[in-house]
Amino acid sequence: MQSGLIVATQALKRQNAEQDRDIANVLEFDVGARLDRQITRTGDLIESLEPCAADPLPGEPGTVQRFLAS
């Protein structure tokens, strides 16, 4: 996701239109920062979760993988 934001920002800057540059700056400095914070918070939340009995053992497919394989 972050790499897509970087690509979009650079593409808009290279077009060199004034409005595109403004949009690129908003993406780079506002949206990018918010996205980074959200990714960090989501990662912290996932790490704080306790394993449950329904979790697959390491190396075994989870429920979604088993469903897709059927």
PDB file of N, CA and C in Angstrom:
ATOM      1  N   MET A   1       0.820  -1.183   0.000  1.00  0.00           N
ATOM      2  CA  MET A   1       0.000   0.000   0.000  1.00  0.00           C
ATOM      3  C   MET A   1       0.868   1.252   0.000  1.00  0.00           C
ATOM      4  N   GLN A   2       1.860   1.251   0.863  1.00  0.00           N
ATOM      5  CA  GLN A   2       2.751   2.406   0.948  1.00  0.00           C
ATOM      6  C   GLN A   2       3.485   2.613  -0.362  1.00  0.00           C
ATOM      7  N   SER A   3       3.919   1.521  -1.023  1.00  0.00           N
ATOM      8  CA  SER A   3       4.637   1.676  -2.289  1.00  0.00           C
ATOM      9  C   SER A   3       3.715   2.250  -3.367  1.00  0.00           C
ATOM     10  N   GLY A   4       2.443   1.899  -3.340  1.00  0.00           N
ATOM     11  CA  GLY A   4       1.483   2.475  -4.281  1.00  0.00           C
ATOM     12  C   GLY A   4       1.334   3.972  -4.077  1.00  0.00           C
ATOM     13  N   LEU A   5       1.355   4.396  -2.826  1.00  0.00           N
ATOM     14  CA  LEU A   5       1.277   5.810  -2.508  1.00  0.00           C
ATOM     15  C   LEU A   5       2.494   6.545  -3.039  1.00  0.00           C
ATOM     16  N   ILE A   6       3.665   5.950  -2.901  1.00  0.00           N
ATOM     17  CA  ILE A   6       4.898   6.560  -3.391  1.00  0.00           C
ATOM     18  C   ILE A   6       4.869   6.678  -4.913  1.00  0.00           C
ATOM     19  N   VAL A   7       4.434   5.631  -5.592  1.00  0.00           N
ATOM     20  CA  VAL A   7       4.357   5.654  -7.053  1.00  0.00           C
ATOM     21  C   VAL A   7       3.382   6.731  -7.524  1.00  0.00           C
ATOM     22  N   ALA A   8       2.212   6.812  -6.892  1.00  0.00           N
ATOM     23  CA  ALA A   8       1.226   7.822  -7.273  1.00  0.00           C
ATOM     24  C   ALA A   8       1.775   9.226  -7.046  1.00  0.00           C
ATOM     25  N   THR A   9       2.457   9.419  -5.942  1.00  0.00           N
ATOM     26  CA  THR A   9       3.033  10.725  -5.627  1.00  0.00           C
ATOM     27  C   THR A   9       4.058  11.133  -6.678  1.00  0.00           C
ATOM     28  N   GLN A  10       4.955  10.219  -7.010  1.00  0.00           N
ATOM     29  CA  GLN A  10       5.991  10.533  -7.990  1.00  0.00           C
ATOM     30  C   GLN A  10       5.403  10.783  -9.377  1.00  0.00           C
ATOM     31  N   ALA A  11       4.395  10.019  -9.760  1.00  0.00           N
ATOM     32  CA  ALA A  11       3.762  10.210 -11.065  1.00  0.00           C
ATOM     33  C   ALA A  11       3.119  11.592 -11.149  1.00  0.00           C
ATOM     34  N   LEU A  12       2.439  11.998 -10.097  1.00  0.00           N
ATOM     35  CA  LEU A  12       1.810  13.314 -10.096  1.00  0.00           C
ATOM     36  C   LEU A  12       2.856  14.425 -10.148  1.00  0.00           C
ATOM     37  N   LYS A  13       3.956  14.270  -9.431  1.00  0.00           N
ATOM     38  CA  LYS A  13       5.014  15.288  -9.433  1.00  0.00           C
ATOM     39  C   LYS A  13       5.664  15.400 -10.810  1.00  0.00           C
ATOM     40  N   ARG A  14       5.845  14.273 -11.480  1.00  0.00           N
ATOM     41  CA  ARG A  14       6.487  14.300 -12.800  1.00  0.00           C
ATOM     42  C   ARG A  14       5.614  14.967 -13.852  1.00  0.00           C
ATOM     43  N   GLN A  15       4.295  14.905 -13.669  1.00  0.00           N
ATOM     44  CA  GLN A  15       3.414  15.576 -14.617  1.00  0.00           C
ATOM     45  C   GLN A  15       3.581  17.088 -14.526  1.00  0.00           C
ATOM     46  N   ASN A  16       4.049  17.549 -13.382  1.00  0.00           N
ATOM     47  CA  ASN A  16       4.451  18.933 -13.157  1.00  0.00           C
ATOM     48  C   ASN A  16       3.324  19.950 -13.320  1.00  0.00           C
ATOM     49  N   ALA A  17       2.106  19.527 -13.261  1.00  0.00           N
ATOM     50  CA  ALA A  17       0.993  20.478 -13.247  1.00  0.00           C
ATOM     51  C   ALA A  17       0.826  20.973 -11.819  1.00  0.00           C
ATOM     52  N   GLU A  18       0.479  22.223 -11.647  1.00  0.00           N
ATOM     53  CA  GLU A  18       0.415  22.802 -10.308  1.00  0.00           C
ATOM     54  C   GLU A  18      -0.561  22.053  -9.409  1.00  0.00           C
ATOM     55  N   GLN A  19      -1.743  21.749  -9.917  1.00  0.00           N
ATOM     56  CA  GLN A  19      -2.742  21.041  -9.113  1.00  0.00           C
ATOM     57  C   GLN A  19      -2.258  19.625  -8.781  1.00  0.00           C
ATOM     58  N   ASP A  20      -1.621  18.944  -9.742  1.00  0.00           N
ATOM     59  CA  ASP A  20      -1.097  17.606  -9.483  1.00  0.00           C
ATOM     60  C   ASP A  20      -0.030  17.635  -8.402  1.00  0.00           C
ATOM     61  N   ARG A  21       0.813  18.655  -8.418  1.00  0.00           N
ATOM     62  CA  ARG A  21       1.862  18.771  -7.390  1.00  0.00           C
ATOM     63  C   ARG A  21       1.224  18.957  -6.013  1.00  0.00           C
ATOM     64  N   ASP A  22       0.170  19.758  -5.938  1.00  0.00           N
ATOM     65  CA  ASP A  22      -0.518  19.954  -4.653  1.00  0.00           C
ATOM     66  C   ASP A  22      -1.115  18.642  -4.150  1.00  0.00           C
ATOM     67  N   ILE A  23      -1.732  17.894  -5.052  1.00  0.00           N
ATOM     68  CA  ILE A  23      -2.301  16.592  -4.677  1.00  0.00           C
ATOM     69  C   ILE A  23      -1.201  15.651  -4.220  1.00  0.00           C
ATOM     70  N   ALA A  24      -0.086  15.650  -4.937  1.00  0.00           N
ATOM     71  CA  ALA A  24       1.041  14.790  -4.569  1.00  0.00           C
ATOM     72  C   ALA A  24       1.561  15.140  -3.180  1.00  0.00           C
ATOM     73  N   ASN A  25       1.633  16.422  -2.865  1.00  0.00           N
ATOM     74  CA  ASN A  25       2.107  16.830  -1.539  1.00  0.00           C
ATOM     75  C   ASN A  25       1.155  16.372  -0.443  1.00  0.00           C
ATOM     76  N   VAL A  26      -0.149  16.472  -0.687  1.00  0.00           N
ATOM     77  CA  VAL A  26      -1.123  15.996   0.296  1.00  0.00           C
ATOM     78  C   VAL A  26      -0.967  14.492   0.492  1.00  0.00           C
ATOM     79  N   LEU A  27      -0.835  13.751  -0.617  1.00  0.00           N
ATOM     80  CA  LEU A  27      -0.647  12.301  -0.507  1.00  0.00           C
ATOM     81  C   LEU A  27       0.616  11.971   0.274  1.00  0.00           C
ATOM     82  N   GLU A  28       1.693  12.643  -0.067  1.00  0.00           N
ATOM     83  CA  GLU A  28       2.988  12.317   0.533  1.00  0.00           C
ATOM     84  C   GLU A  28       3.048  12.663   2.012  1.00  0.00           C
ATOM     85  N   PHE A  29       2.584  13.839   2.372  1.00  0.00           N
ATOM     86  CA  PHE A  29       2.802  14.310   3.734  1.00  0.00           C
ATOM     87  C   PHE A  29       1.625  14.081   4.673  1.00  0.00           C
ATOM     88  N   ASP A  30       0.419  14.036   4.173  1.00  0.00           N
ATOM     89  CA  ASP A  30      -0.735  13.852   5.049  1.00  0.00           C
ATOM     90  C   ASP A  30      -1.233  12.418   5.020  1.00  0.00           C
ATOM     91  N   VAL A  31      -1.586  11.951   3.841  1.00  0.00           N
ATOM     92  CA  VAL A  31      -2.116  10.589   3.716  1.00  0.00           C
ATOM     93  C   VAL A  31      -1.046   9.567   4.089  1.00  0.00           C
ATOM     94  N   GLY A  32       0.174   9.786   3.635  1.00  0.00           N
ATOM     95  CA  GLY A  32       1.257   8.844   3.940  1.00  0.00           C
ATOM     96  C   GLY A  32       1.495   8.706   5.434  1.00  0.00           C
ATOM     97  N   ALA A  33       1.513   9.832   6.133  1.00  0.00           N
ATOM     98  CA  ALA A  33       1.729   9.808   7.584  1.00  0.00           C
ATOM     99  C   ALA A  33       0.578   9.104   8.299  1.00  0.00           C
ATOM    100  N   ARG A  34      -0.647   9.402   7.883  1.00  0.00           N
ATOM    101  CA  ARG A  34      -1.807   8.740   8.500  1.00  0.00           C
ATOM    102  C   ARG A  34      -1.782   7.242   8.224  1.00  0.00           C
ATOM    103  N   LEU A  35      -1.431   6.870   7.007  1.00  0.00           N
ATOM    104  CA  LEU A  35      -1.356   5.457   6.649  1.00  0.00           C
ATOM    105  C   LEU A  35      -0.293   4.744   7.483  1.00  0.00           C
ATOM    106  N   ASP A  36       0.867   5.363   7.645  1.00  0.00           N
ATOM    107  CA  ASP A  36       1.922   4.771   8.476  1.00  0.00           C
ATOM    108  C   ASP A  36       1.448   4.554   9.902  1.00  0.00           C
ATOM    109  N   ARG A  37       0.770   5.550  10.478  1.00  0.00           N
ATOM    110  CA  ARG A  37       0.263   5.411  11.858  1.00  0.00           C
ATOM    111  C   ARG A  37      -0.755   4.288  11.954  1.00  0.00           C
ATOM    112  N   GLN A  38      -1.646   4.198  10.970  1.00  0.00           N
ATOM    113  CA  GLN A  38      -2.678   3.159  11.001  1.00  0.00           C
ATOM    114  C   GLN A  38      -2.066   1.772  10.864  1.00  0.00           C
ATOM    115  N   ILE A  39      -1.077   1.626   9.992  1.00  0.00           N
ATOM    116  CA  ILE A  39      -0.399   0.335   9.826  1.00  0.00           C
ATOM    117  C   ILE A  39       0.295  -0.062  11.127  1.00  0.00           C
ATOM    118  N   THR A  40       0.945   0.893  11.771  1.00  0.00           N
ATOM    119  CA  THR A  40       1.623   0.614  13.042  1.00  0.00           C
ATOM    120  C   THR A  40       0.617   0.202  14.112  1.00  0.00           C
ATOM    121  N   ARG A  41      -0.495   0.928  14.219  1.00  0.00           N
ATOM    122  CA  ARG A  41      -1.521   0.590  15.216  1.00  0.00           C
ATOM    123  C   ARG A  41      -2.123  -0.784  14.949  1.00  0.00           C
ATOM    124  N   THR A  42      -2.362  -1.101  13.684  1.00  0.00           N
ATOM    125  CA  THR A  42      -2.928  -2.405  13.341  1.00  0.00           C
ATOM    126  C   THR A  42      -1.935  -3.515  13.690  1.00  0.00           C
ATOM    127  N   GLY A  43      -0.655  -3.299  13.381  1.00  0.00           N
ATOM    128  CA  GLY A  43       0.366  -4.280  13.737  1.00  0.00           C
ATOM    129  C   GLY A  43       0.461  -4.488  15.233  1.00  0.00           C
ATOM    130  N   ASP A  44       0.395  -3.390  15.996  1.00  0.00           N
ATOM    131  CA  ASP A  44       0.427  -3.495  17.460  1.00  0.00           C
ATOM    132  C   ASP A  44      -0.776  -4.283  17.981  1.00  0.00           C
ATOM    133  N   LEU A  45      -1.944  -4.029  17.402  1.00  0.00           N
ATOM    134  CA  LEU A  45      -3.150  -4.748  17.812  1.00  0.00           C
ATOM    135  C   LEU A  45      -3.012  -6.245  17.528  1.00  0.00           C
ATOM    136  N   ILE A  46      -2.536  -6.588  16.351  1.00  0.00           N
ATOM    137  CA  ILE A  46      -2.368  -8.002  15.989  1.00  0.00           C
ATOM    138  C   ILE A  46      -1.391  -8.687  16.931  1.00  0.00           C
ATOM    139  N   GLU A  47      -0.288  -8.005  17.252  1.00  0.00           N
ATOM    140  CA  GLU A  47       0.703  -8.590  18.164  1.00  0.00           C
ATOM    141  C   GLU A  47       0.143  -8.780  19.566  1.00  0.00           C
ATOM    142  N   SER A  48      -0.828  -7.958  19.960  1.00  0.00           N
ATOM    143  CA  SER A  48      -1.370  -8.059  21.318  1.00  0.00           C
ATOM    144  C   SER A  48      -2.393  -9.183  21.462  1.00  0.00           C
ATOM    145  N   LEU A  49      -2.864  -9.732  20.356  1.00  0.00           N
ATOM    146  CA  LEU A  49      -3.878 -10.779  20.416  1.00  0.00           C
ATOM    147  C   LEU A  49      -3.279 -12.087  20.937  1.00  0.00           C
ATOM    148  N   GLU A  50      -4.050 -12.757  21.751  1.00  0.00           N
ATOM    149  CA  GLU A  50      -3.649 -14.059  22.268  1.00  0.00           C
ATOM    150  C   GLU A  50      -4.046 -15.133  21.250  1.00  0.00           C
ATOM    151  N   PRO A  51      -3.234 -16.188  21.095  1.00  0.00           N
ATOM    152  CA  PRO A  51      -3.632 -17.281  20.205  1.00  0.00           C
ATOM    153  C   PRO A  51      -4.897 -17.953  20.757  1.00  0.00           C
ATOM    154  N   CYS A  52      -5.699 -18.482  19.870  1.00  0.00           N
ATOM    155  CA  CYS A  52      -6.889 -19.194  20.336  1.00  0.00           C
ATOM    156  C   CYS A  52      -6.848 -20.626  19.809  1.00  0.00           C
ATOM    157  N   ALA A  53      -7.714 -21.457  20.357  1.00  0.00           N
ATOM    158  CA  ALA A  53      -7.713 -22.883  20.010  1.00  0.00           C
ATOM    159  C   ALA A  53      -8.024 -23.111  18.540  1.00  0.00           C
ATOM    160  N   ALA A  54      -8.717 -22.186  17.895  1.00  0.00           N
ATOM    161  CA  ALA A  54      -9.082 -22.357  16.480  1.00  0.00           C
ATOM    162  C   ALA A  54      -7.933 -22.010  15.533  1.00  0.00           C
ATOM    163  N   ASP A  55      -6.877 -21.384  16.048  1.00  0.00           N
ATOM    164  CA  ASP A  55      -5.741 -21.032  15.196  1.00  0.00           C
ATOM    165  C   ASP A  55      -5.046 -22.296  14.704  1.00  0.00           C
ATOM    166  N   PRO A  56      -4.636 -22.319  13.444  1.00  0.00           N
ATOM    167  CA  PRO A  56      -3.932 -23.505  12.950  1.00  0.00           C
ATOM    168  C   PRO A  56      -2.546 -23.614  13.580  1.00  0.00           C
ATOM    169  N   LEU A  57      -2.034 -24.821  13.618  1.00  0.00           N
ATOM    170  CA  LEU A  57      -0.669 -25.023  14.069  1.00  0.00           C
ATOM    171  C   LEU A  57       0.275 -24.460  13.023  1.00  0.00           C
ATOM    172  N   PRO A  58       1.488 -24.071  13.424  1.00  0.00           N
ATOM    173  CA  PRO A  58       2.442 -23.551  12.439  1.00  0.00           C
ATOM    174  C   PRO A  58       2.634 -24.552  11.290  1.00  0.00           C
ATOM    175  N   GLY A  59       2.585 -24.047  10.076  1.00  0.00           N
ATOM    176  CA  GLY A  59       2.765 -24.895   8.904  1.00  0.00           C
ATOM    177  C   GLY A  59       1.485 -25.514   8.375  1.00  0.00           C
ATOM    178  N   GLU A  60       0.381 -25.416   9.123  1.00  0.00           N
ATOM    179  CA  GLU A  60      -0.902 -25.973   8.679  1.00  0.00           C
ATOM    180  C   GLU A  60      -1.773 -24.861   8.116  1.00  0.00           C
ATOM    181  N   PRO A  61      -2.593 -25.174   7.101  1.00  0.00           N
ATOM    182  CA  PRO A  61      -3.449 -24.134   6.529  1.00  0.00           C
ATOM    183  C   PRO A  61      -4.542 -23.716   7.510  1.00  0.00           C
ATOM    184  N   GLY A  62      -4.902 -22.443   7.469  1.00  0.00           N
ATOM    185  CA  GLY A  62      -5.987 -21.941   8.296  1.00  0.00           C
ATOM    186  C   GLY A  62      -7.333 -22.226   7.658  1.00  0.00           C
ATOM    187  N   THR A  63      -8.387 -21.745   8.294  1.00  0.00           N
ATOM    188  CA  THR A  63      -9.745 -21.999   7.842  1.00  0.00           C
ATOM    189  C   THR A  63      -9.970 -21.482   6.422  1.00  0.00           C
ATOM    190  N   VAL A  64      -9.509 -20.278   6.140  1.00  0.00           N
ATOM    191  CA  VAL A  64      -9.712 -19.692   4.815  1.00  0.00           C
ATOM    192  C   VAL A  64      -8.981 -20.507   3.756  1.00  0.00           C
ATOM    193  N   GLN A  65      -7.746 -20.894   4.033  1.00  0.00           N
ATOM    194  CA  GLN A  65      -6.982 -21.691   3.064  1.00  0.00           C
ATOM    195  C   GLN A  65      -7.645 -23.024   2.823  1.00  0.00           C
ATOM    196  N   ARG A  66      -8.172 -23.666   3.882  1.00  0.00           N
ATOM    197  CA  ARG A  66      -8.846 -24.960   3.704  1.00  0.00           C
ATOM    198  C   ARG A  66     -10.109 -24.780   2.884  1.00  0.00           C
ATOM    199  N   PHE A  67     -10.848 -23.688   3.122  1.00  0.00           N
ATOM    200  CA  PHE A  67     -12.072 -23.429   2.358  1.00  0.00           C
ATOM    201  C   PHE A  67     -11.756 -23.212   0.886  1.00  0.00           C
ATOM    202  N   LEU A  68     -10.735 -22.418   0.612  1.00  0.00           N
ATOM    203  CA  LEU A  68     -10.367 -22.129  -0.778  1.00  0.00           C
ATOM    204  C   LEU A  68      -9.847 -23.358  -1.499  1.00  0.00           C
ATOM    205  N   ALA A  69      -9.222 -24.261  -0.758  1.00  0.00           N
ATOM    206  CA  ALA A  69      -8.678 -25.473  -1.368  1.00  0.00           C
ATOM    207  C   ALA A  69      -9.754 -26.490  -1.678  1.00  0.00           C
ATOM    208  N   SER A  70     -10.936 -26.376  -1.054  1.00  0.00           N
ATOM    209  CA  SER A  70     -11.988 -27.381  -1.281  1.00  0.00           C
ATOM    210  C   SER A  70     -12.774 -27.120  -2.537  1.00  0.00           C
TER     211      SER A  70
END
